[in-house]
Protein backbone atom coordinates (compact mmCIF):
# COMPACT_ATOMS: atom_id res chain seq x y z
CA MET A 1 0.00 -0.42 0.08
CA PRO A 2 1.15 3.56 -0.66
CA ARG A 3 2.92 5.37 1.48
CA GLN A 4 4.12 8.73 2.37
CA PHE A 5 7.34 10.99 3.87
CA THR A 6 6.83 14.04 4.79
CA LEU A 7 9.64 16.79 5.46
CA PRO A 8 10.29 16.21 8.63
CA ASP A 9 10.80 19.16 11.41
CA LEU A 10 14.06 20.56 11.36
CA GLY A 11 14.34 22.54 14.63
CA GLU A 12 14.99 25.64 15.42
CA GLY A 13 11.56 27.07 14.22
CA LEU A 14 12.01 26.82 10.97
CA GLU A 15 8.55 26.04 9.07
CA GLU A 16 10.34 25.50 5.15
CA ALA A 17 13.64 24.09 3.21
CA GLU A 18 14.41 24.81 0.00
CA ILE A 19 15.03 21.29 -2.43
CA VAL A 20 18.60 21.18 -3.56
CA ALA A 21 19.11 18.15 -5.75
CA TRP A 22 16.78 14.78 -4.92
CA LEU A 23 19.88 11.79 -4.15
CA VAL A 24 16.80 9.25 -5.68
CA ASN A 25 14.46 8.91 -8.45
CA GLU A 26 11.31 7.16 -8.74
CA GLY A 27 11.33 3.50 -9.42
CA ASP A 28 14.42 2.99 -6.79
CA HIS A 29 14.50 0.91 -3.74
CA VAL A 30 16.37 2.78 -0.60
CA VAL A 31 16.69 1.11 2.38
CA ALA A 32 16.36 2.76 5.91
CA ASN A 33 18.10 5.83 6.59
CA GLN A 34 19.60 6.45 3.22
CA PRO A 35 19.91 10.42 1.87
CA LEU A 36 16.93 10.46 -0.18
CA VAL A 37 17.04 14.83 -1.14
CA SER A 38 19.66 18.00 0.36
CA VAL A 39 17.42 21.28 0.99
CA GLU A 40 18.54 24.53 2.72
CA THR A 41 17.39 25.77 5.42
CA ASP A 42 18.77 29.38 6.23
CA LYS A 43 21.47 27.98 8.32
CA ALA A 44 23.08 25.33 5.85
CA VAL A 45 22.54 22.40 3.00
CA VAL A 46 20.77 19.13 5.05
CA GLU A 47 20.25 15.88 3.91
CA ILE A 48 17.21 13.60 4.50
CA PRO A 49 17.27 9.91 4.82
CA SER A 50 14.84 6.98 4.74
CA PRO A 51 12.91 6.41 7.81
CA TRP A 52 11.84 3.15 6.45
CA SER A 53 13.49 0.61 3.55
CA GLY A 54 10.75 0.56 0.02
CA THR A 55 10.71 1.15 -3.04
CA ILE A 56 10.29 5.44 -4.16
CA ALA A 57 6.95 5.71 -6.09
CA ARG A 58 6.66 9.35 -6.63
CA ARG A 59 8.50 12.40 -5.43
CA PHE A 60 6.85 15.53 -4.79
CA GLY A 61 8.56 19.19 -5.79
CA ALA A 62 12.23 19.40 -8.01
CA LYS A 63 15.23 21.43 -7.56
CA GLY A 64 14.62 25.24 -6.41
CA ASP A 65 10.62 23.93 -4.28
CA LEU A 66 9.81 25.52 -1.03
CA ILE A 67 8.79 22.27 1.09
CA LYS A 68 6.65 23.10 4.08
CA VAL A 69 7.62 20.35 7.57
CA GLY A 70 5.09 18.88 7.32
CA ALA A 71 4.53 18.12 3.17
CA ALA A 72 5.23 15.12 1.93
CA LEU A 73 8.09 14.73 0.22
CA VAL A 74 8.65 11.23 -1.51
CA GLU A 75 5.42 8.22 -1.49
CA TYR A 76 6.45 4.65 -1.29
CA SER A 77 4.97 1.58 -3.69
CA GLU A 78 5.64 -0.70 -1.50
CA GLY A 79 7.83 -2.07 1.43
CA ALA A 80 7.98 0.69 3.73
CA GLY A 81 8.16 0.27 7.20
CA ALA A 82 6.90 1.35 10.52
CA ASP A 83 7.53 5.11 11.54
CA THR A 84 10.19 6.75 13.06
CA GLY A 85 8.41 9.31 14.95
CA THR A 86 9.97 12.06 13.37
CA ILE A 87 7.25 12.89 10.58
CA VAL A 88 5.98 16.17 11.80
CA GLY A 89 2.37 17.39 11.15
CA GLU A 90 -0.74 15.30 8.79
CA VAL A 91 0.39 14.21 5.07
CA LYS A 92 -0.70 16.33 2.55
CA LEU A 93 0.80 16.67 -0.80
CA SER A 94 3.56 19.58 -1.20
CA GLU A 95 2.97 22.97 -1.63
CA PRO A 96 4.06 24.73 -5.11
CA ALA A 97 6.85 27.54 -4.47
CA ARG A 98 5.69 30.43 -4.48
CA GLU A 99 4.59 32.69 -7.20
CA VAL A 100 5.51 36.44 -7.62
CA GLU A 101 1.53 37.95 -8.08
CA ALA A 102 0.75 39.04 -11.88
CA PRO A 103 1.60 42.33 -12.51
CA GLY A 104 -1.51 44.37 -12.03
CA ARG A 105 -3.43 42.59 -9.73
CA ALA A 106 -1.88 44.99 -6.49
CA LYS A 107 -4.43 44.98 -3.81
CA GLY A 108 -5.59 48.23 -2.03
CA LEU A 109 -3.75 50.28 -4.14
CA GLN A 110 -5.78 52.81 -5.79
CA VAL A 111 -5.43 52.64 -9.63
CA LEU A 112 -7.73 52.65 -12.49
CA PRO A 113 -8.74 50.09 -14.34
CA ALA A 114 -7.63 51.21 -18.06
CA ILE A 115 -3.65 51.52 -15.60
CA ARG A 116 -3.90 48.17 -14.28
CA ALA A 117 -4.20 47.50 -17.84
CA LEU A 118 -1.62 49.33 -19.22
CA ALA A 119 0.78 48.10 -16.10
CA ARG A 120 -0.16 43.95 -17.18
CA LYS A 121 0.59 44.89 -21.37
CA LEU A 122 4.72 46.43 -19.55
CA ASP A 123 5.40 44.02 -17.45
CA VAL A 124 4.99 46.18 -13.86
CA ASP A 125 3.98 45.16 -10.88
CA LEU A 126 2.12 47.85 -9.47
CA ASN A 127 3.55 46.99 -6.04
CA LEU A 128 7.10 48.95 -6.81
CA VAL A 129 5.05 51.89 -7.87
CA GLN A 130 4.68 54.92 -5.92
CA GLY A 131 1.74 56.98 -6.70
CA SER A 132 2.32 60.66 -7.94
CA GLY A 133 -1.56 61.21 -8.26
CA ALA A 134 -4.04 62.87 -5.61
CA SER A 135 -4.08 60.57 -2.65
CA GLY A 136 -1.78 58.48 -4.14
CA MET A 137 -3.05 57.43 -6.70
CA ILE A 138 -0.85 55.71 -9.87
CA THR A 139 -0.89 57.38 -12.68
CA ARG A 140 -0.09 56.32 -16.52
CA ALA A 141 3.30 58.56 -16.50
CA ASP A 142 4.30 56.84 -12.90
CA VAL A 143 3.63 53.38 -14.78
CA GLU A 144 5.64 54.53 -18.10
CA ARG A 145 8.61 55.41 -15.74
CA ALA A 146 8.70 52.23 -14.04
CA ALA A 147 8.89 50.41 -16.97
CA ARG A 148 11.88 53.01 -18.31
CA SER A 149 13.64 52.32 -14.67
CA LEU A 150 12.95 48.04 -15.18
CA THR A 151 14.30 47.83 -18.44
CA GLU A 152 18.08 49.29 -17.31
CA ALA A 153 17.66 46.58 -14.33
CA GLY A 154 18.02 42.96 -13.91
CA PRO A 155 15.72 40.23 -14.37
CA ALA A 156 14.12 39.40 -10.74
CA GLU A 157 15.89 37.28 -8.54
CA PRO A 158 13.21 35.23 -5.79
CA LEU A 159 15.01 35.17 -2.24
CA LYS A 160 16.11 31.73 -1.40
CA GLY A 161 17.91 29.61 1.00
CA MET A 162 20.21 32.08 3.45
CA ARG A 163 19.29 35.03 1.97
CA ARG A 164 15.42 34.71 1.57
CA ALA A 165 15.70 33.38 5.66
CA MET A 166 18.08 36.47 6.42
CA ALA A 167 15.42 38.58 5.14
CA GLN A 168 12.75 36.91 7.44
CA ARG A 169 14.86 37.10 10.35
CA MET A 170 15.58 40.69 10.06
CA ALA A 171 11.88 41.75 9.46
CA LEU A 172 10.63 39.69 12.26
CA ALA A 173 13.93 41.37 14.56
CA HIS A 174 12.82 45.37 13.27
CA ALA A 175 9.34 44.23 14.97
CA GLN A 176 10.59 42.92 18.00
CA VAL A 177 13.27 44.78 19.30
CA VAL A 178 13.07 47.76 20.51
CA PRO A 179 16.55 48.89 19.37
CA THR A 180 19.40 51.77 20.75
CA THR A 181 22.80 52.19 20.06
CA VAL A 182 26.01 53.37 21.36
CA ILE A 183 29.68 53.94 20.25
CA ASP A 184 32.87 54.43 21.29
CA GLU A 185 36.75 53.94 19.95
CA ALA A 186 39.51 51.50 22.24
CA ASP A 187 42.80 52.86 21.59
CA ILE A 188 44.79 49.30 20.40
CA ASP A 189 47.89 51.31 19.86
CA ALA A 190 50.03 48.61 22.40
CA TRP A 191 48.44 45.58 20.23
CA SER A 192 51.43 43.88 18.48
CA LYS A 193 51.08 42.71 14.45
CA GLU A 194 50.50 39.43 15.75
CA THR A 195 46.97 39.85 17.62
CA ASP A 196 44.14 38.29 16.63
CA ILE A 197 41.46 41.24 16.26
CA THR A 198 38.44 38.72 16.27
CA ILE A 199 39.63 36.75 19.25
CA ARG A 200 40.43 39.36 21.51
CA LEU A 201 36.88 41.56 20.53
CA ALA A 202 35.30 37.99 21.80
CA GLN A 203 37.36 37.91 24.32
CA ALA A 204 36.63 41.42 25.55
CA ILE A 205 33.57 40.75 25.26
CA ALA A 206 33.31 37.74 27.74
CA ALA A 207 34.92 40.36 30.22
CA ALA A 208 32.58 43.08 30.07
CA CYS A 209 29.80 39.68 30.54
CA LYS A 210 31.27 39.01 33.13
CA ALA A 211 31.01 42.30 34.81
CA GLU A 212 28.01 43.53 33.22
CA PRO A 213 25.74 40.41 32.97
CA SER A 214 22.58 42.25 31.91
CA LEU A 215 23.83 41.90 28.03
CA ASN A 216 24.61 38.37 27.91
CA ALA A 217 21.00 37.14 28.15
CA TRP A 218 17.68 35.71 26.40
CA TYR A 219 14.66 37.84 26.65
CA ASN A 220 10.74 36.80 26.17
CA ALA A 221 9.10 39.37 25.47
CA GLU A 222 5.36 37.54 25.65
CA ALA A 223 6.59 36.44 29.50
CA GLY A 224 7.63 39.58 30.21
CA GLU A 225 10.46 38.00 31.26
CA ARG A 226 14.55 37.51 30.98
CA ARG A 227 16.93 35.35 32.09
CA LEU A 228 21.29 36.28 32.70
CA LEU A 229 22.93 33.34 31.39
CA SER A 230 26.67 32.58 33.00
CA ARG A 231 28.05 31.44 29.72
CA VAL A 232 29.10 33.45 26.95
CA ASP A 233 28.46 31.44 23.55
CA ALA A 234 29.31 34.67 21.22
CA GLY A 235 27.63 34.56 18.07
CA ILE A 236 30.18 35.25 15.10
CA ALA A 237 29.05 36.84 11.95
CA VAL A 238 30.52 34.95 8.94
CA ASP A 239 30.15 37.42 5.74
CA LEU A 240 29.13 34.42 2.92
CA GLU A 241 28.03 35.05 -1.17
CA GLY A 242 24.98 33.88 -0.65
CA GLY A 243 24.04 35.38 2.41
CA LEU A 244 24.67 35.88 6.40
CA LEU A 245 25.54 32.55 8.97
CA VAL A 246 26.28 33.07 12.75
CA PRO A 247 27.90 30.15 14.15
CA VAL A 248 28.31 30.00 17.94
CA LEU A 249 31.65 29.83 19.44
CA ARG A 250 31.15 28.19 22.95
CA ASN A 251 32.00 28.94 26.40
CA VAL A 252 34.07 31.59 25.12
CA GLY A 253 35.29 33.34 28.65
CA GLU A 254 36.93 29.94 29.79
CA ARG A 255 39.11 29.21 26.76
CA ASP A 256 42.88 30.36 25.54
CA SER A 257 43.55 32.20 22.56
CA ALA A 258 44.83 29.20 20.99
CA ASP A 259 42.01 26.77 20.56
CA LEU A 260 39.30 30.02 20.27
CA ARG A 261 40.91 30.85 16.83
CA THR A 262 41.04 26.36 16.18
CA GLY A 263 37.50 26.47 16.42
CA LEU A 264 36.19 29.74 14.95
CA ASN A 265 38.60 28.45 11.75
CA ARG A 266 36.74 25.36 12.49
CA MET A 267 33.49 26.54 11.27
CA ARG A 268 33.82 29.02 9.26
CA ALA A 269 35.53 26.45 6.60
CA ASP A 270 32.36 24.67 7.47
CA ALA A 271 30.28 27.77 7.16
CA ALA A 272 31.70 28.18 3.95
CA ALA A 273 31.59 24.97 2.60
CA ARG A 274 27.19 24.99 3.74
CA SER A 275 28.06 21.59 5.70
CA ILE A 276 28.48 23.52 9.33
CA PRO A 277 25.71 21.70 12.53
CA PRO A 278 22.82 23.28 13.00
CA GLU A 279 23.19 23.04 16.26
CA GLU A 280 27.13 24.88 16.05
CA LEU A 281 23.91 28.08 14.88
CA ARG A 282 21.93 27.26 17.68
CA GLY A 283 22.45 29.38 21.04
CA ALA A 284 23.89 32.44 20.93
CA THR A 285 23.80 34.27 24.26
CA ILE A 286 25.21 37.67 22.62
CA THR A 287 26.49 38.31 18.69
CA LEU A 288 29.64 39.37 17.61
CA SER A 289 30.29 41.12 13.79
CA ASN A 290 33.07 42.52 12.98
CA PHE A 291 32.30 43.92 10.03
CA GLY A 292 35.23 46.27 10.21
CA MET A 293 37.14 43.93 7.87
CA ILE A 294 35.55 44.81 5.41
CA GLY A 295 34.75 48.14 5.59
CA GLY A 296 32.88 51.22 7.73
CA ARG A 297 33.43 52.51 11.64
CA PHE A 298 30.26 52.56 13.09
CA ALA A 299 27.42 50.64 13.07
CA SER A 300 23.55 49.88 13.97
CA LEU A 301 23.35 46.23 13.98
CA VAL A 302 20.03 44.16 14.44
CA VAL A 303 19.75 42.47 17.26
CA VAL A 304 18.07 39.46 16.35
CA PRO A 305 15.95 37.62 19.56
CA PRO A 306 16.14 36.68 22.28
CA GLN A 307 19.48 37.92 22.21
CA VAL A 308 18.89 41.31 23.86
CA ALA A 309 22.84 42.75 22.11
CA ILE A 310 25.15 42.90 19.56
CA ILE A 311 28.51 43.76 19.04
CA GLY A 312 29.64 45.61 16.15
CA ALA A 313 33.94 46.29 15.69
CA GLY A 314 34.50 48.62 12.81
CA ARG A 315 37.46 49.33 10.63
CA ALA A 316 41.07 50.45 12.87
CA GLU A 317 42.90 53.22 11.77
CA ARG A 318 45.32 55.35 12.74
CA ARG A 319 44.17 58.72 14.05
CA VAL A 320 44.81 61.73 16.47
CA VAL A 321 44.32 61.71 19.62
CA VAL A 322 45.15 63.31 22.59
CA ASN A 323 47.23 61.02 24.97
CA ASN A 324 48.80 62.99 27.97
CA ASP A 325 47.93 66.09 27.01
CA GLN A 326 50.08 65.24 23.60
CA GLN A 327 48.29 65.43 20.23
CA VAL A 328 50.03 61.72 19.60
CA ILE A 329 49.34 59.34 16.32
CA HIS A 330 47.29 56.45 17.73
CA ARG A 331 45.46 53.01 15.59
CA MET A 332 42.02 53.20 17.22
CA LEU A 333 39.32 50.53 17.00
CA PRO A 334 35.42 51.87 16.56
CA LEU A 335 33.11 49.82 18.60
CA SER A 336 28.92 49.97 18.77
CA LEU A 337 26.85 47.99 21.13
CA THR A 338 23.25 47.95 19.31
CA PHE A 339 21.13 46.90 22.50
CA ASP A 340 17.30 45.99 22.57
CA HIS A 341 16.10 48.60 25.51
CA ARG A 342 13.49 46.66 26.19
CA ALA A 343 15.68 44.00 28.51
CA VAL A 344 18.99 46.37 29.17
CA THR A 345 18.86 50.05 30.73
CA GLY A 346 21.25 52.92 29.16
CA GLY A 347 23.36 52.30 32.51
CA GLU A 348 24.47 48.70 32.05
CA ALA A 349 24.70 48.99 28.47
CA ALA A 350 27.04 52.27 28.57
CA ARG A 351 28.93 49.44 31.69
CA PHE A 352 29.20 46.88 29.42
CA LEU A 353 30.93 49.29 26.59
CA ALA A 354 33.09 50.61 28.87
CA THR A 355 34.31 47.58 29.82
CA LEU A 356 34.95 46.37 26.43
CA LYS A 357 36.83 49.10 25.91
CA SER A 358 38.75 49.20 28.71
CA SER A 359 39.83 45.32 28.28
CA LEU A 360 40.62 46.17 24.55
CA GLU A 361 43.15 48.39 25.68
CA LYS A 362 45.36 46.60 27.66
CA PRO A 363 48.51 45.22 25.69
């Protein structure tokens, strides 16, 4: 009797995954734990194994399709064993990839029928057009101007994988967090040329968390509760071509520099290869973005709940400063601290930043 296997729960509240490649064909006989398909989540590319042995009668979805957790992945024609208990939700057909709403069918916009028809003819999505008419009404000139702009632009590229998930997480964070940013600079002129900037930053964050624990915390907005965490598990933002991943460097305050560097190198290599284990992307208590390695001085960064703080390190540069009433040229490191003002006071943030700076300024 035919039986369907659905996309199992992938953890971290993920609701869908994108099909990267099928590893079996219809008609193939598979055994339990044999990989069926590789899928991409916002965190990594993972393989989904067969929960039982049997013959694949049907595959649901093609490369690039988004499959919901609980939607059918494959159907077995015979020999399917007992359910392993990993399946989430009731069996149903997989949903097709979402389609962009047809041009001219924008909802809630003030558009005359003739203008809608013109938008369809010129392949202009009215959701992207800013109306210049009375009360924001979209005019013929608005549509024609948008059409000219689109001819000069590249083709529409639906966000997929990490980039799509990043957009969703950032939108959610923006809606939930009350962000406030404070900035300062650390005088790192005493650092040797061999100093590992990222590791020094991680260790300084651990020191600041010890002095001001309120920044190393999780906040539950629904319950109105915060939980201070004794161990510092620092998320380290890694810039990749397909988007952003944040592997977690565990127990930063209790490890030496060499151990931290070895761990960070391994996580970055795994992240670049999209093979990092999902558990290494979970449970950060505070995040570091060392964006100065690319460029920029200060930034207002995005705090991702349930965390309450993120530290940004800008591009270090030599500048004129006053030291012992004398003008000198020292190497300065810009620091930005963005925190969730629902759970952290301004005084707590300022004390954290002061300790962070003091720790970094030690030789």
